[in-house]
């Protein structure tokens, strides 16, 4: 994720003003504010030195519905699970709009790197704790379903959204070719959905992060992994948290060490062998790719679809990896 320059802003910056309202204090004076993400679904800022002991605060503005899903996890799910996460400060509804703010502590100074075995091992240990503890508890009230049925709906929505925009004159012939290939990949996956469901039955349902990607993972000064951004969390198969890097050029995948994960989850799923975990990781890569395609496909209808097409080429390569490894090509 590209980091934007730090700017010094007055108390009139919307994130500074919202933070002051949440804390019931006067708006802060000049404060360094860094824009970390600015996308259709959310904007994220870093408020430098705004937290306890002059720690940094992360402020996210998104729809009230999306912020509500994430705050549910921070307030009602994570307190019952023995996993380290970024401390949560609360949410604030923005008056006169359908938006809300969520505030958490900055998760740590170290970027997660999937090319480092030590980081992949930390990821596997953290996920094993989340999944085994979650599986032993009842489904938390309000946590969305994230089983294969959910992702089958994502597949149908992604395919439909691509087809809806194929006639956009701003798309080049080579873009249309890529999009037709993606539609074909969706159809190939749909034709093997019984196999996908069988893979998901290898484990019981549990709490899943849902967007366990390097962009949402950081290490604190003590080398403790602290995932954040729980807007995609839910209750279902652990597969979406397990995808691995492969031949595709995408760097989206956290690639937790699957042998470590299998060893630490045998108490909950004693019949799970290495091949089973690999199959779960493949299913998870399919699931997450479909979600990404569905989200990005809305940009294909714009006058400037080049950015969406750049990502679509990556997703096509990721789906090639999945379908080839699973033997699901048409």
Protein backbone atom coordinates (compact mmCIF):
# COMPACT_ATOMS: atom_id res chain seq x y z
CA UNK A 1 0.00 0.00 0.00
CA UNK A 2 1.47 3.34 -1.04
CA UNK A 3 2.00 5.68 1.92
CA UNK A 4 1.17 9.36 1.42
CA UNK A 5 3.31 12.15 2.92
CA UNK A 6 2.69 13.22 6.51
CA UNK A 7 0.96 16.60 6.66
CA UNK A 8 0.47 18.85 9.66
CA UNK A 9 -3.22 19.61 10.00
CA UNK A 10 -5.26 21.77 12.34
CA UNK A 11 -8.10 20.60 14.53
CA UNK A 12 -10.38 21.16 11.51
CA UNK A 13 -9.15 17.99 9.80
CA UNK A 14 -12.18 15.62 9.88
CA UNK A 15 -10.21 12.78 11.47
CA UNK A 16 -8.82 15.07 14.18
CA UNK A 17 -12.27 16.51 14.82
CA UNK A 18 -13.87 13.06 15.04
CA UNK A 19 -11.17 11.83 17.43
CA UNK A 20 -11.74 14.85 19.67
CA UNK A 21 -15.49 14.19 19.69
CA UNK A 22 -14.95 10.54 20.60
CA UNK A 23 -12.63 11.49 23.46
CA UNK A 24 -14.89 14.37 24.53
CA UNK A 25 -11.99 16.81 24.42
CA UNK A 26 -11.34 20.08 22.63
CA UNK A 27 -10.04 19.65 19.05
CA UNK A 28 -6.29 19.22 19.04
CA UNK A 29 -3.98 21.93 17.79
CA UNK A 30 -1.73 21.28 14.80
CA UNK A 31 -1.23 17.54 14.41
CA UNK A 32 0.64 15.43 11.88
CA UNK A 33 -1.90 13.46 9.85
CA UNK A 34 -0.90 10.80 7.32
CA UNK A 35 -3.30 9.47 4.70
CA UNK A 36 -2.71 5.72 4.59
CA UNK A 37 -5.54 4.70 2.25
CA UNK A 38 -8.06 6.53 0.13
CA UNK A 39 -10.41 4.20 -1.71
CA UNK A 40 -14.07 3.96 -2.58
CA UNK A 41 -14.93 1.85 0.44
CA UNK A 42 -12.89 3.69 3.08
CA UNK A 43 -10.32 6.33 3.88
CA UNK A 44 -7.73 5.68 6.60
CA UNK A 45 -5.58 8.22 8.44
CA UNK A 46 -2.75 8.00 10.94
CA UNK A 47 -2.94 10.62 13.70
CA UNK A 48 0.64 10.99 14.87
CA UNK A 49 1.00 11.21 18.65
CA UNK A 50 -2.75 11.53 19.28
CA UNK A 51 -3.11 8.47 21.54
CA UNK A 52 -2.12 7.51 25.07
CA UNK A 53 1.53 8.33 25.85
CA UNK A 54 1.71 10.13 22.48
CA UNK A 55 1.18 6.89 20.56
CA UNK A 56 -0.24 6.99 17.05
CA UNK A 57 -3.93 6.44 16.33
CA UNK A 58 -5.46 4.96 13.18
CA UNK A 59 -8.73 6.59 12.10
CA UNK A 60 -10.91 4.86 9.49
CA UNK A 61 -13.94 6.49 7.86
CA UNK A 62 -16.34 4.22 6.00
CA UNK A 63 -20.04 3.42 5.76
CA UNK A 64 -21.90 2.98 9.02
CA UNK A 65 -22.72 -0.59 8.00
CA UNK A 66 -19.07 -1.48 7.38
CA UNK A 67 -17.84 0.25 10.55
CA UNK A 68 -20.60 -1.51 12.50
CA UNK A 69 -19.42 -4.93 11.32
CA UNK A 70 -15.86 -4.18 12.34
CA UNK A 71 -16.76 -2.69 15.71
CA UNK A 72 -18.83 -5.81 16.48
CA UNK A 73 -15.66 -7.88 16.15
CA UNK A 74 -13.59 -5.53 18.32
CA UNK A 75 -16.25 -5.24 21.01
CA UNK A 76 -17.85 -8.69 21.16
CA UNK A 77 -15.62 -11.26 19.43
CA UNK A 78 -11.95 -10.47 20.03
CA UNK A 79 -12.19 -9.96 23.82
CA UNK A 80 -13.06 -13.67 24.13
CA UNK A 81 -10.16 -14.87 21.95
CA UNK A 82 -6.52 -15.15 23.09
CA UNK A 83 -4.96 -13.35 20.11
CA UNK A 84 -3.01 -10.07 20.16
CA UNK A 85 -4.58 -7.25 18.15
CA UNK A 86 -4.25 -3.48 17.97
CA UNK A 87 -6.04 -1.84 20.93
CA UNK A 88 -9.50 -0.56 20.05
CA UNK A 89 -10.65 2.94 21.08
CA UNK A 90 -14.20 3.08 19.76
CA UNK A 91 -16.44 4.33 16.96
CA UNK A 92 -18.28 7.54 16.18
CA UNK A 93 -21.24 8.11 13.88
CA UNK A 94 -20.76 11.10 11.61
CA UNK A 95 -23.72 13.45 11.95
CA UNK A 96 -25.80 14.05 8.85
CA UNK A 97 -24.21 11.28 6.77
CA UNK A 98 -24.28 7.50 6.41
CA UNK A 99 -20.62 7.33 7.47
CA UNK A 100 -18.89 6.47 10.72
CA UNK A 101 -15.38 6.50 12.18
CA UNK A 102 -13.45 3.68 13.85
CA UNK A 103 -10.32 4.31 15.94
CA UNK A 104 -7.62 1.81 16.92
CA UNK A 105 -4.01 2.05 18.03
CA UNK A 106 -1.31 1.86 15.41
CA UNK A 107 -0.46 -1.84 15.22
CA UNK A 108 3.33 -1.52 15.13
CA UNK A 109 6.36 -0.16 13.29
CA UNK A 110 7.32 -3.29 11.31
CA UNK A 111 5.71 -4.24 7.99
CA UNK A 112 4.74 -7.88 7.56
CA UNK A 113 6.89 -9.56 4.90
CA UNK A 114 5.67 -12.85 3.38
CA UNK A 115 9.17 -13.46 2.01
CA UNK A 116 10.48 -13.93 5.58
CA UNK A 117 10.04 -17.40 7.07
CA UNK A 118 9.94 -15.94 10.58
CA UNK A 119 6.98 -13.74 9.65
CA UNK A 120 5.15 -16.60 7.96
CA UNK A 121 5.62 -18.70 11.11
CA UNK A 122 4.22 -15.89 13.27
CA UNK A 123 1.22 -15.71 10.95
CA UNK A 124 0.64 -19.47 11.18
CA UNK A 125 0.82 -19.42 14.98
CA UNK A 126 -1.54 -16.46 15.23
CA UNK A 127 -4.08 -18.03 12.85
CA UNK A 128 -3.91 -21.40 14.59
CA UNK A 129 -4.77 -19.68 17.88
CA UNK A 130 -7.62 -17.70 16.33
CA UNK A 131 -9.12 -20.66 14.49
CA UNK A 132 -8.85 -23.25 17.26
CA UNK A 133 -10.16 -20.88 19.95
CA UNK A 134 -12.95 -19.71 17.65
CA UNK A 135 -13.96 -23.27 16.73
CA UNK A 136 -14.35 -24.24 20.36
CA UNK A 137 -16.81 -21.41 21.03
CA UNK A 138 -20.35 -20.74 19.87
CA UNK A 139 -20.86 -18.53 16.84
CA UNK A 140 -20.82 -14.92 18.07
CA UNK A 141 -24.14 -13.17 17.55
CA UNK A 142 -24.15 -10.97 14.47
CA UNK A 143 -20.96 -12.38 12.94
CA UNK A 144 -21.60 -12.85 9.18
CA UNK A 145 -21.59 -16.29 7.55
CA UNK A 146 -18.39 -16.97 5.60
CA UNK A 147 -18.92 -20.52 4.38
CA UNK A 148 -18.78 -21.71 0.76
CA UNK A 149 -22.32 -20.45 0.12
CA UNK A 150 -21.19 -16.88 0.76
CA UNK A 151 -18.33 -17.19 -1.70
CA UNK A 152 -20.56 -18.84 -4.31
CA UNK A 153 -22.63 -15.68 -4.19
CA UNK A 154 -19.46 -13.61 -4.54
CA UNK A 155 -18.57 -15.66 -7.64
CA UNK A 156 -21.96 -15.00 -9.23
CA UNK A 157 -21.77 -11.28 -8.41
CA UNK A 158 -18.22 -10.97 -9.76
CA UNK A 159 -19.14 -12.68 -13.03
CA UNK A 160 -22.26 -10.56 -13.45
CA UNK A 161 -20.39 -7.32 -12.76
CA UNK A 162 -17.72 -8.12 -15.37
CA UNK A 163 -20.33 -9.01 -17.98
CA UNK A 164 -22.19 -5.77 -17.25
CA UNK A 165 -19.19 -3.66 -18.22
CA UNK A 166 -17.79 -5.58 -21.20
CA UNK A 167 -19.29 -3.03 -23.59
CA UNK A 168 -17.47 -0.06 -22.03
CA UNK A 169 -15.74 1.69 -24.99
CA UNK A 170 -12.87 2.71 -22.70
CA UNK A 171 -11.78 -0.94 -22.48
CA UNK A 172 -9.10 -1.98 -24.97
CA UNK A 173 -9.39 -5.24 -26.92
CA UNK A 174 -6.70 -6.83 -24.74
CA UNK A 175 -8.67 -5.76 -21.65
CA UNK A 176 -11.81 -7.45 -22.97
CA UNK A 177 -9.77 -10.59 -23.61
CA UNK A 178 -8.64 -10.65 -19.97
CA UNK A 179 -12.20 -10.12 -18.75
CA UNK A 180 -13.54 -12.94 -20.92
CA UNK A 181 -10.83 -15.17 -19.44
CA UNK A 182 -11.94 -14.19 -15.92
CA UNK A 183 -15.55 -15.03 -16.75
CA UNK A 184 -14.38 -18.42 -17.99
CA UNK A 185 -12.42 -18.97 -14.78
CA UNK A 186 -15.51 -18.13 -12.71
CA UNK A 187 -17.52 -20.66 -14.72
CA UNK A 188 -14.81 -23.30 -14.30
CA UNK A 189 -14.82 -22.78 -10.53
CA UNK A 190 -18.62 -22.86 -10.40
CA UNK A 191 -18.62 -26.21 -12.23
CA UNK A 192 -16.46 -27.68 -9.43
CA UNK A 193 -18.28 -26.14 -6.50
CA UNK A 194 -19.16 -29.51 -4.99
CA UNK A 195 -15.41 -30.13 -4.71
CA UNK A 196 -15.02 -26.73 -3.05
CA UNK A 197 -17.71 -27.57 -0.50
CA UNK A 198 -16.05 -30.89 0.23
CA UNK A 199 -12.79 -29.11 1.00
CA UNK A 200 -14.59 -26.77 3.40
CA UNK A 201 -15.98 -29.78 5.29
CA UNK A 202 -12.42 -30.75 6.30
CA UNK A 203 -12.79 -28.48 9.36
CA UNK A 204 -15.58 -27.16 11.53
CA UNK A 205 -16.61 -23.53 11.28
CA UNK A 206 -14.67 -20.91 13.21
CA UNK A 207 -13.94 -17.20 13.45
CA UNK A 208 -12.00 -16.00 10.39
CA UNK A 209 -10.25 -12.69 9.81
CA UNK A 210 -11.33 -12.67 6.17
CA UNK A 211 -8.68 -10.29 4.81
CA UNK A 212 -5.49 -11.73 6.27
CA UNK A 213 -3.16 -9.97 3.82
CA UNK A 214 0.21 -8.25 4.33
CA UNK A 215 -1.46 -4.83 4.09
CA UNK A 216 -3.44 -5.67 7.26
CA UNK A 217 -0.58 -7.15 9.29
CA UNK A 218 2.12 -5.41 11.31
CA UNK A 219 4.58 -6.37 14.04
CA UNK A 220 5.05 -4.29 17.17
CA UNK A 221 8.40 -3.47 18.76
CA UNK A 222 8.38 -6.83 20.55
CA UNK A 223 7.88 -8.75 17.28
CA UNK A 224 4.27 -9.61 18.13
CA UNK A 225 2.00 -9.91 15.12
CA UNK A 226 -1.04 -7.63 15.34
CA UNK A 227 -3.55 -7.99 12.49
CA UNK A 228 -6.13 -5.27 11.95
CA UNK A 229 -8.99 -4.35 9.56
CA UNK A 230 -11.70 -6.80 10.63
CA UNK A 231 -14.36 -5.55 8.20
CA UNK A 232 -14.22 -8.89 6.32
CA UNK A 233 -14.39 -11.10 9.42
CA UNK A 234 -16.99 -13.81 9.74
CA UNK A 235 -17.94 -17.33 10.79
CA UNK A 236 -17.06 -20.20 8.48
CA UNK A 237 -14.22 -22.16 6.94
CA UNK A 238 -10.67 -21.08 7.90
CA UNK A 239 -9.69 -21.34 4.21
CA UNK A 240 -9.79 -17.57 3.40
CA UNK A 241 -6.99 -16.91 5.91
CA UNK A 242 -4.58 -19.50 4.46
CA UNK A 243 -3.75 -18.58 0.78
CA UNK A 244 -0.17 -18.89 -0.40
CA UNK A 245 2.07 -17.06 -2.84
CA UNK A 246 2.61 -19.03 -6.04
CA UNK A 247 3.63 -18.28 -9.61
CA UNK A 248 1.36 -15.24 -9.92
CA UNK A 249 2.96 -11.78 -9.61
CA UNK A 250 0.54 -10.67 -6.89
CA UNK A 251 2.01 -9.95 -3.44
CA UNK A 252 -1.41 -9.94 -1.79
CA UNK A 253 -1.07 -13.24 0.09
CA UNK A 254 0.32 -13.57 3.64
CA UNK A 255 1.39 -17.19 3.06
CA UNK A 256 1.33 -18.52 6.65
CA UNK A 257 3.55 -21.58 7.15
CA UNK A 258 1.07 -24.38 6.58
CA UNK A 259 3.11 -27.12 8.29
CA UNK A 260 3.25 -25.01 11.46
CA UNK A 261 -0.49 -24.30 11.17
CA UNK A 262 -1.33 -27.99 10.76
CA UNK A 263 0.77 -28.98 13.75
CA UNK A 264 -0.90 -26.40 15.99
CA UNK A 265 -4.47 -27.21 14.91
CA UNK A 266 -4.36 -30.99 15.31
CA UNK A 267 -6.10 -30.72 18.68
CA UNK A 268 -9.17 -29.28 16.99
CA UNK A 269 -8.93 -31.12 13.65
CA UNK A 270 -6.92 -34.32 14.25
CA UNK A 271 -7.68 -35.79 10.83
CA UNK A 272 -6.22 -32.84 8.92
CA UNK A 273 -3.08 -33.81 6.98
CA UNK A 274 -0.69 -31.68 4.95
CA UNK A 275 -2.55 -32.25 1.69
CA UNK A 276 -5.80 -31.20 3.35
CA UNK A 277 -4.27 -27.92 4.53
CA UNK A 278 -2.92 -27.26 1.03
CA UNK A 279 -6.41 -27.82 -0.38
CA UNK A 280 -7.87 -25.41 2.16
CA UNK A 281 -5.30 -22.81 1.15
CA UNK A 282 -6.26 -23.25 -2.51
CA UNK A 283 -9.95 -22.86 -1.72
CA UNK A 284 -9.12 -19.77 0.33
CA UNK A 285 -7.19 -18.23 -2.54
CA UNK A 286 -10.18 -18.84 -4.80
CA UNK A 287 -12.52 -17.25 -2.26
CA UNK A 288 -10.40 -14.17 -1.66
CA UNK A 289 -9.76 -13.69 -5.40
CA UNK A 290 -13.49 -13.76 -6.08
CA UNK A 291 -14.13 -11.11 -3.41
CA UNK A 292 -11.38 -8.90 -4.86
CA UNK A 293 -12.71 -9.33 -8.41
CA UNK A 294 -16.25 -8.45 -7.34
CA UNK A 295 -15.05 -5.31 -5.55
CA UNK A 296 -12.73 -4.15 -8.34
CA UNK A 297 -15.16 -4.91 -11.17
CA UNK A 298 -17.26 -1.86 -10.33
CA UNK A 299 -14.40 0.28 -11.68
CA UNK A 300 -14.63 -1.35 -15.10
CA UNK A 301 -17.56 0.88 -16.00
CA UNK A 302 -15.65 4.14 -15.54
CA UNK A 303 -14.07 6.32 -18.23
CA UNK A 304 -10.64 5.31 -16.92
CA UNK A 305 -10.71 1.56 -16.18
CA UNK A 306 -6.92 1.11 -16.45
CA UNK A 307 -6.42 0.87 -12.68
CA UNK A 308 -9.08 -1.80 -12.32
CA UNK A 309 -7.65 -3.70 -15.28
CA UNK A 310 -4.19 -3.72 -13.70
CA UNK A 311 -5.62 -5.55 -10.71
CA UNK A 312 -7.80 -7.80 -12.87
CA UNK A 313 -4.68 -9.13 -14.58
CA UNK A 314 -3.27 -10.07 -11.18
CA UNK A 315 -6.49 -11.80 -10.16
CA UNK A 316 -6.54 -13.70 -13.45
CA UNK A 317 -3.03 -14.99 -12.71
CA UNK A 318 -4.03 -15.95 -9.16
CA UNK A 319 -7.04 -17.89 -10.45
CA UNK A 320 -4.80 -19.61 -13.00
CA UNK A 321 -2.67 -20.80 -10.07
CA UNK A 322 -5.71 -22.09 -8.17
CA UNK A 323 -7.39 -23.85 -11.07
CA UNK A 324 -4.16 -25.46 -12.27
CA UNK A 325 -3.11 -26.66 -8.80
CA UNK A 326 -6.59 -28.06 -8.09
CA UNK A 327 -6.97 -29.60 -11.55
CA UNK A 328 -10.15 -27.62 -12.16
CA UNK A 329 -9.42 -26.11 -15.58
CA UNK A 330 -12.15 -26.62 -18.13
